Amino acid sequence: MANWSRDTTGLILIGVADKPSAAHRSTELFGVTPVEIHGQHVVGTEEQVSHLGYTIDSWWLKWQEKIKSAPVDSDFSADLVHSFSPLVCDGKVLWILKPRSLGKPISYKNRFFVRVGASTHEMETDDFLSHISRNF
C-alpha cells in the first residue's frame, strides 16, 4: 500500500476473514460466530488473543513493539505504529492499521513489495523500477 504511489494511504483490518472457509475455521477452533457485513465475514480477534495468553492491552503493546522493530524505514514504522489500534465492530475486536506512503518507496528486508487487492506481491527489479518511475 505504501509503495503504490506518492500520496497513498491504505487500510488493513485484522479480524475479517478473507474467505468463508477461514470464518468457518474460526468457528471450529474458537467458537466464534462471524458477523456478515457487506459480504465480509467479521470474526474478531479476542478469542485468538486470549487463547495465546494475552489481554487486548498486552497484545496491543506486543505488536506496537514488533512494528517499531520491523526491518523497514523507521519513519514508516513510527507512522504505522501510531495508526495501529483496536476497533470494536458489532462486539468483535478488530485491529486497524493505516499504512501511509512517505513519498518514497519502502523496502522490507531490502526487498520491495506492492499490494494488489487482497494479495502482496514481491516486485522484481525491472518491474519495481518501472513502477516507481510511473508512481513516484
N, C-alpha and C. Protein backbone atom coordinates (compact mmCIF):
# COMPACT_ATOMS: atom_id res chain seq x y z
N MET A 1 0.82 -1.19 0.00
CA MET A 1 0.00 0.00 0.00
C MET A 1 0.86 1.25 0.00
N ALA A 2 1.89 1.25 0.85
CA ALA A 2 2.77 2.42 0.90
C ALA A 2 3.60 2.55 -0.36
N ASN A 3 3.74 1.47 -1.12
CA ASN A 3 4.52 1.50 -2.36
C ASN A 3 3.65 1.69 -3.59
N TRP A 4 2.39 2.03 -3.41
CA TRP A 4 1.52 2.16 -4.57
C TRP A 4 1.75 3.48 -5.29
N SER A 5 1.84 4.58 -4.54
CA SER A 5 2.15 5.87 -5.15
C SER A 5 2.53 6.86 -4.06
N ARG A 6 2.88 8.05 -4.46
CA ARG A 6 3.40 9.08 -3.56
C ARG A 6 2.44 9.45 -2.43
N ASP A 7 1.15 9.54 -2.68
CA ASP A 7 0.20 10.03 -1.68
C ASP A 7 -0.83 8.99 -1.24
N THR A 8 -0.45 7.74 -1.22
CA THR A 8 -1.39 6.67 -0.92
C THR A 8 -1.47 6.38 0.58
N THR A 9 -2.69 6.14 1.05
CA THR A 9 -2.90 5.62 2.41
C THR A 9 -3.73 4.36 2.27
N GLY A 10 -3.31 3.31 2.94
CA GLY A 10 -4.03 2.05 2.90
C GLY A 10 -4.83 1.83 4.17
N LEU A 11 -5.57 0.75 4.20
CA LEU A 11 -6.34 0.38 5.38
C LEU A 11 -6.27 -1.13 5.53
N ILE A 12 -5.81 -1.57 6.69
CA ILE A 12 -5.75 -3.00 6.99
C ILE A 12 -6.63 -3.25 8.20
N LEU A 13 -7.55 -4.20 8.07
CA LEU A 13 -8.39 -4.62 9.19
C LEU A 13 -8.04 -6.06 9.52
N ILE A 14 -7.57 -6.29 10.72
CA ILE A 14 -7.25 -7.64 11.18
C ILE A 14 -8.45 -8.12 11.99
N GLY A 15 -8.95 -9.30 11.63
CA GLY A 15 -10.14 -9.84 12.30
C GLY A 15 -11.29 -10.02 11.34
N VAL A 16 -11.01 -9.82 10.05
CA VAL A 16 -12.00 -10.04 8.99
C VAL A 16 -11.48 -11.21 8.16
N ALA A 17 -12.26 -12.29 8.08
CA ALA A 17 -11.83 -13.47 7.32
C ALA A 17 -11.79 -13.14 5.83
N ASP A 18 -10.74 -13.61 5.16
CA ASP A 18 -10.60 -13.31 3.74
C ASP A 18 -11.48 -14.19 2.86
N LYS A 19 -12.01 -15.27 3.44
CA LYS A 19 -12.94 -16.13 2.70
C LYS A 19 -13.83 -16.88 3.69
N PRO A 20 -14.97 -17.37 3.23
CA PRO A 20 -15.89 -18.07 4.14
C PRO A 20 -15.25 -19.26 4.87
N SER A 21 -14.35 -19.97 4.21
CA SER A 21 -13.71 -21.12 4.86
C SER A 21 -12.87 -20.69 6.07
N ALA A 22 -12.26 -19.51 5.99
CA ALA A 22 -11.49 -19.00 7.13
C ALA A 22 -12.42 -18.64 8.29
N ALA A 23 -13.58 -18.09 7.98
CA ALA A 23 -14.57 -17.77 9.01
C ALA A 23 -15.06 -19.05 9.67
N HIS A 24 -15.30 -20.07 8.86
CA HIS A 24 -15.75 -21.37 9.38
C HIS A 24 -14.68 -21.98 10.29
N ARG A 25 -13.43 -21.84 9.91
CA ARG A 25 -12.33 -22.37 10.71
C ARG A 25 -12.25 -21.66 12.07
N SER A 26 -12.50 -20.37 12.10
CA SER A 26 -12.53 -19.63 13.37
C SER A 26 -13.65 -20.14 14.27
N THR A 27 -14.76 -20.51 13.65
CA THR A 27 -15.87 -21.08 14.41
C THR A 27 -15.46 -22.42 15.00
N GLU A 28 -14.82 -23.27 14.18
CA GLU A 28 -14.38 -24.59 14.65
C GLU A 28 -13.37 -24.49 15.79
N LEU A 29 -12.38 -23.64 15.63
CA LEU A 29 -11.29 -23.56 16.59
C LEU A 29 -11.62 -22.78 17.85
N PHE A 30 -12.37 -21.69 17.69
CA PHE A 30 -12.55 -20.77 18.81
C PHE A 30 -14.01 -20.51 19.19
N GLY A 31 -14.95 -21.15 18.49
CA GLY A 31 -16.36 -20.95 18.80
C GLY A 31 -16.87 -19.58 18.40
N VAL A 32 -16.18 -18.93 17.48
CA VAL A 32 -16.55 -17.59 17.03
C VAL A 32 -17.79 -17.66 16.14
N THR A 33 -18.72 -16.75 16.35
CA THR A 33 -19.86 -16.61 15.46
C THR A 33 -19.59 -15.39 14.57
N PRO A 34 -19.25 -15.62 13.30
CA PRO A 34 -18.94 -14.49 12.41
C PRO A 34 -20.16 -13.59 12.21
N VAL A 35 -19.89 -12.32 12.00
CA VAL A 35 -20.93 -11.35 11.67
C VAL A 35 -20.68 -10.95 10.23
N GLU A 36 -21.69 -11.12 9.37
CA GLU A 36 -21.52 -10.74 7.97
C GLU A 36 -21.93 -9.28 7.78
N ILE A 37 -20.99 -8.50 7.26
CA ILE A 37 -21.23 -7.08 6.99
C ILE A 37 -20.80 -6.80 5.56
N HIS A 38 -21.75 -6.44 4.72
CA HIS A 38 -21.48 -6.15 3.31
C HIS A 38 -20.68 -7.26 2.64
N GLY A 39 -21.03 -8.50 2.93
CA GLY A 39 -20.38 -9.65 2.30
C GLY A 39 -19.05 -10.04 2.93
N GLN A 40 -18.61 -9.32 3.95
CA GLN A 40 -17.36 -9.64 4.65
C GLN A 40 -17.69 -10.39 5.94
N HIS A 41 -16.85 -11.35 6.30
CA HIS A 41 -17.08 -12.16 7.49
C HIS A 41 -16.20 -11.65 8.63
N VAL A 42 -16.79 -10.89 9.55
CA VAL A 42 -16.07 -10.32 10.68
C VAL A 42 -16.04 -11.37 11.78
N VAL A 43 -14.83 -11.84 12.12
CA VAL A 43 -14.67 -12.86 13.15
C VAL A 43 -14.06 -12.30 14.43
N GLY A 44 -13.41 -11.15 14.34
CA GLY A 44 -12.76 -10.57 15.50
C GLY A 44 -11.49 -11.30 15.88
N THR A 45 -10.87 -10.85 16.95
CA THR A 45 -9.59 -11.44 17.37
C THR A 45 -9.53 -11.76 18.86
N GLU A 46 -10.54 -11.38 19.61
CA GLU A 46 -10.47 -11.51 21.06
C GLU A 46 -10.23 -12.96 21.51
N GLU A 47 -10.90 -13.91 20.89
CA GLU A 47 -10.74 -15.31 21.28
C GLU A 47 -9.33 -15.81 21.00
N GLN A 48 -8.77 -15.45 19.85
CA GLN A 48 -7.43 -15.88 19.49
C GLN A 48 -6.39 -15.24 20.41
N VAL A 49 -6.56 -13.95 20.69
CA VAL A 49 -5.64 -13.23 21.58
C VAL A 49 -5.66 -13.88 22.97
N SER A 50 -6.84 -14.17 23.47
CA SER A 50 -6.99 -14.81 24.78
C SER A 50 -6.38 -16.21 24.77
N HIS A 51 -6.61 -16.96 23.70
CA HIS A 51 -6.06 -18.31 23.57
C HIS A 51 -4.53 -18.30 23.67
N LEU A 52 -3.91 -17.24 23.17
CA LEU A 52 -2.45 -17.12 23.20
C LEU A 52 -1.94 -16.55 24.53
N GLY A 53 -2.86 -16.28 25.47
CA GLY A 53 -2.47 -15.85 26.80
C GLY A 53 -2.30 -14.35 26.98
N TYR A 54 -2.87 -13.58 26.07
CA TYR A 54 -2.74 -12.13 26.14
C TYR A 54 -4.09 -11.48 26.45
N THR A 55 -4.03 -10.26 26.96
CA THR A 55 -5.20 -9.40 27.02
C THR A 55 -5.14 -8.50 25.79
N ILE A 56 -6.19 -7.77 25.53
CA ILE A 56 -6.17 -6.84 24.39
C ILE A 56 -5.03 -5.83 24.57
N ASP A 57 -4.87 -5.29 25.77
CA ASP A 57 -3.81 -4.30 26.01
C ASP A 57 -2.41 -4.89 25.84
N SER A 58 -2.17 -6.08 26.39
CA SER A 58 -0.83 -6.67 26.26
C SER A 58 -0.54 -7.07 24.82
N TRP A 59 -1.58 -7.49 24.09
CA TRP A 59 -1.41 -7.82 22.66
C TRP A 59 -1.06 -6.56 21.87
N TRP A 60 -1.75 -5.48 22.18
CA TRP A 60 -1.52 -4.19 21.53
C TRP A 60 -0.07 -3.75 21.73
N LEU A 61 0.41 -3.82 22.98
CA LEU A 61 1.79 -3.43 23.28
C LEU A 61 2.80 -4.33 22.57
N LYS A 62 2.52 -5.64 22.54
CA LYS A 62 3.42 -6.58 21.87
C LYS A 62 3.58 -6.21 20.40
N TRP A 63 2.47 -5.92 19.72
CA TRP A 63 2.53 -5.62 18.29
C TRP A 63 3.04 -4.22 18.00
N GLN A 64 2.85 -3.31 18.92
CA GLN A 64 3.48 -1.99 18.74
C GLN A 64 5.00 -2.14 18.71
N GLU A 65 5.53 -2.96 19.61
CA GLU A 65 6.98 -3.19 19.64
C GLU A 65 7.46 -3.91 18.39
N LYS A 66 6.69 -4.89 17.92
CA LYS A 66 7.06 -5.61 16.69
C LYS A 66 7.08 -4.67 15.48
N ILE A 67 6.10 -3.79 15.40
CA ILE A 67 6.05 -2.83 14.29
C ILE A 67 7.25 -1.88 14.36
N LYS A 68 7.54 -1.38 15.57
CA LYS A 68 8.67 -0.46 15.73
C LYS A 68 10.00 -1.09 15.33
N SER A 69 10.13 -2.40 15.56
CA SER A 69 11.41 -3.07 15.27
C SER A 69 11.43 -3.76 13.91
N ALA A 70 10.39 -3.57 13.11
CA ALA A 70 10.33 -4.20 11.78
C ALA A 70 11.47 -3.67 10.89
N PRO A 71 11.97 -4.51 9.98
CA PRO A 71 13.07 -4.11 9.10
C PRO A 71 12.59 -3.23 7.94
N VAL A 72 12.05 -2.06 8.30
CA VAL A 72 11.57 -1.08 7.32
C VAL A 72 12.08 0.30 7.75
N ASP A 73 11.88 1.29 6.92
CA ASP A 73 12.24 2.67 7.22
C ASP A 73 11.65 3.06 8.58
N SER A 74 12.46 3.64 9.46
CA SER A 74 12.00 3.96 10.82
C SER A 74 10.87 5.00 10.82
N ASP A 75 10.87 5.92 9.86
CA ASP A 75 9.76 6.88 9.77
C ASP A 75 8.46 6.17 9.43
N PHE A 76 8.55 5.17 8.54
CA PHE A 76 7.37 4.41 8.16
C PHE A 76 6.83 3.61 9.35
N SER A 77 7.71 2.90 10.06
CA SER A 77 7.25 2.09 11.19
C SER A 77 6.69 2.98 12.31
N ALA A 78 7.30 4.15 12.55
CA ALA A 78 6.78 5.06 13.57
C ALA A 78 5.38 5.55 13.21
N ASP A 79 5.18 5.88 11.94
CA ASP A 79 3.87 6.33 11.47
C ASP A 79 2.85 5.19 11.58
N LEU A 80 3.27 3.99 11.19
CA LEU A 80 2.36 2.84 11.21
C LEU A 80 1.95 2.48 12.64
N VAL A 81 2.90 2.50 13.57
CA VAL A 81 2.57 2.13 14.94
C VAL A 81 1.56 3.11 15.56
N HIS A 82 1.59 4.36 15.14
CA HIS A 82 0.62 5.34 15.65
C HIS A 82 -0.78 5.11 15.07
N SER A 83 -0.86 4.45 13.93
CA SER A 83 -2.18 4.18 13.33
C SER A 83 -2.77 2.86 13.81
N PHE A 84 -1.98 2.04 14.50
CA PHE A 84 -2.40 0.70 14.93
C PHE A 84 -3.21 0.79 16.21
N SER A 85 -4.45 0.29 16.17
CA SER A 85 -5.28 0.33 17.37
C SER A 85 -6.42 -0.67 17.26
N PRO A 86 -6.98 -1.06 18.42
CA PRO A 86 -8.15 -1.93 18.39
C PRO A 86 -9.39 -1.14 18.00
N LEU A 87 -10.34 -1.84 17.44
CA LEU A 87 -11.60 -1.25 16.99
C LEU A 87 -12.68 -2.28 17.26
N VAL A 88 -13.76 -1.89 17.91
CA VAL A 88 -14.85 -2.82 18.19
C VAL A 88 -15.95 -2.61 17.16
N CYS A 89 -16.32 -3.70 16.49
CA CYS A 89 -17.35 -3.68 15.44
C CYS A 89 -18.34 -4.79 15.73
N ASP A 90 -19.57 -4.43 16.02
CA ASP A 90 -20.61 -5.42 16.35
C ASP A 90 -20.15 -6.42 17.41
N GLY A 91 -19.46 -5.91 18.43
CA GLY A 91 -19.00 -6.75 19.52
C GLY A 91 -17.74 -7.54 19.24
N LYS A 92 -17.14 -7.37 18.09
CA LYS A 92 -15.91 -8.08 17.70
C LYS A 92 -14.73 -7.11 17.78
N VAL A 93 -13.62 -7.56 18.36
CA VAL A 93 -12.42 -6.73 18.43
C VAL A 93 -11.59 -6.94 17.16
N LEU A 94 -11.46 -5.87 16.39
CA LEU A 94 -10.63 -5.86 15.19
C LEU A 94 -9.42 -4.99 15.48
N TRP A 95 -8.46 -5.04 14.59
CA TRP A 95 -7.28 -4.17 14.67
C TRP A 95 -7.18 -3.41 13.37
N ILE A 96 -6.88 -2.13 13.46
CA ILE A 96 -6.80 -1.29 12.28
C ILE A 96 -5.37 -0.76 12.15
N LEU A 97 -4.88 -0.77 10.92
CA LEU A 97 -3.59 -0.16 10.57
C LEU A 97 -3.81 0.66 9.32
N LYS A 98 -3.15 1.81 9.25
CA LYS A 98 -3.27 2.67 8.08
C LYS A 98 -1.88 2.98 7.53
N PRO A 99 -1.33 2.07 6.72
CA PRO A 99 -0.02 2.36 6.13
C PRO A 99 -0.13 3.53 5.16
N ARG A 100 0.79 4.47 5.30
CA ARG A 100 0.75 5.69 4.50
C ARG A 100 2.08 5.84 3.77
N SER A 101 2.00 6.23 2.53
CA SER A 101 3.21 6.47 1.75
C SER A 101 3.99 7.64 2.36
N LEU A 102 5.30 7.52 2.35
CA LEU A 102 6.16 8.61 2.80
C LEU A 102 6.65 9.43 1.62
N GLY A 103 6.13 9.13 0.43
CA GLY A 103 6.56 9.83 -0.77
C GLY A 103 7.79 9.23 -1.40
N LYS A 104 8.18 8.06 -0.88
CA LYS A 104 9.32 7.34 -1.43
C LYS A 104 9.05 5.85 -1.26
N PRO A 105 9.67 4.99 -2.06
CA PRO A 105 9.46 3.55 -1.91
C PRO A 105 9.96 3.06 -0.55
N ILE A 106 9.27 2.07 0.00
CA ILE A 106 9.63 1.47 1.28
C ILE A 106 9.99 0.01 1.03
N SER A 107 11.14 -0.41 1.55
CA SER A 107 11.55 -1.81 1.39
C SER A 107 11.30 -2.56 2.69
N TYR A 108 11.19 -3.87 2.57
CA TYR A 108 11.10 -4.77 3.71
C TYR A 108 12.22 -5.79 3.54
N LYS A 109 13.18 -5.79 4.45
CA LYS A 109 14.37 -6.64 4.34
C LYS A 109 15.05 -6.44 2.99
N ASN A 110 15.13 -5.18 2.57
CA ASN A 110 15.77 -4.78 1.31
C ASN A 110 15.11 -5.37 0.07
N ARG A 111 13.85 -5.72 0.18
CA ARG A 111 13.07 -6.21 -0.96
C ARG A 111 11.82 -5.32 -1.05
N PHE A 112 11.31 -5.18 -2.27
CA PHE A 112 10.16 -4.30 -2.48
C PHE A 112 8.91 -5.11 -2.80
N PHE A 113 7.80 -4.68 -2.21
CA PHE A 113 6.52 -5.36 -2.37
C PHE A 113 5.47 -4.32 -2.71
N VAL A 114 4.41 -4.79 -3.36
CA VAL A 114 3.27 -3.92 -3.66
C VAL A 114 2.01 -4.73 -3.37
N ARG A 115 1.01 -4.05 -2.88
CA ARG A 115 -0.27 -4.68 -2.55
C ARG A 115 -1.21 -4.54 -3.74
N VAL A 116 -1.79 -5.67 -4.17
CA VAL A 116 -2.77 -5.68 -5.25
C VAL A 116 -3.99 -6.43 -4.73
N GLY A 117 -5.07 -5.70 -4.48
CA GLY A 117 -6.27 -6.33 -3.92
C GLY A 117 -5.96 -6.90 -2.55
N ALA A 118 -6.24 -8.18 -2.36
CA ALA A 118 -6.00 -8.83 -1.08
C ALA A 118 -4.66 -9.56 -1.04
N SER A 119 -3.81 -9.33 -2.04
CA SER A 119 -2.54 -10.05 -2.13
C SER A 119 -1.35 -9.09 -2.11
N THR A 120 -0.25 -9.57 -1.60
CA THR A 120 1.01 -8.83 -1.60
C THR A 120 1.96 -9.52 -2.55
N HIS A 121 2.57 -8.75 -3.45
CA HIS A 121 3.46 -9.31 -4.46
C HIS A 121 4.84 -8.69 -4.34
N GLU A 122 5.88 -9.54 -4.36
CA GLU A 122 7.24 -9.01 -4.42
C GLU A 122 7.49 -8.56 -5.85
N MET A 123 8.16 -7.42 -5.98
CA MET A 123 8.44 -6.88 -7.31
C MET A 123 9.89 -7.16 -7.68
N GLU A 124 10.08 -7.70 -8.88
CA GLU A 124 11.42 -7.89 -9.42
C GLU A 124 11.99 -6.51 -9.74
N THR A 125 13.29 -6.40 -9.85
CA THR A 125 13.96 -5.11 -10.01
C THR A 125 13.41 -4.31 -11.19
N ASP A 126 13.32 -4.91 -12.38
CA ASP A 126 12.84 -4.17 -13.55
C ASP A 126 11.41 -3.68 -13.36
N ASP A 127 10.55 -4.54 -12.82
CA ASP A 127 9.16 -4.15 -12.57
C ASP A 127 9.09 -3.03 -11.54
N PHE A 128 9.92 -3.13 -10.51
CA PHE A 128 9.91 -2.11 -9.47
C PHE A 128 10.38 -0.76 -10.01
N LEU A 129 11.45 -0.76 -10.79
CA LEU A 129 11.94 0.49 -11.37
C LEU A 129 10.89 1.13 -12.27
N SER A 130 10.22 0.31 -13.06
CA SER A 130 9.15 0.81 -13.91
C SER A 130 8.01 1.39 -13.06
N HIS A 131 7.65 0.68 -12.01
CA HIS A 131 6.57 1.11 -11.11
C HIS A 131 6.89 2.46 -10.47
N ILE A 132 8.10 2.61 -9.93
CA ILE A 132 8.40 3.87 -9.25
C ILE A 132 8.54 5.03 -10.23
N SER A 133 8.98 4.74 -11.46
CA SER A 133 9.07 5.84 -12.43
C SER A 133 7.68 6.35 -12.81
N ARG A 134 6.67 5.49 -12.76
CA ARG A 134 5.30 5.89 -13.07
C ARG A 134 4.58 6.51 -11.88
N ASN A 135 4.90 6.07 -10.66
CA ASN A 135 4.09 6.44 -9.50
C ASN A 135 4.76 7.35 -8.48
N PHE A 136 6.05 7.52 -8.55
CA PHE A 136 6.74 8.38 -7.59
C PHE A 136 7.40 9.49 -8.36
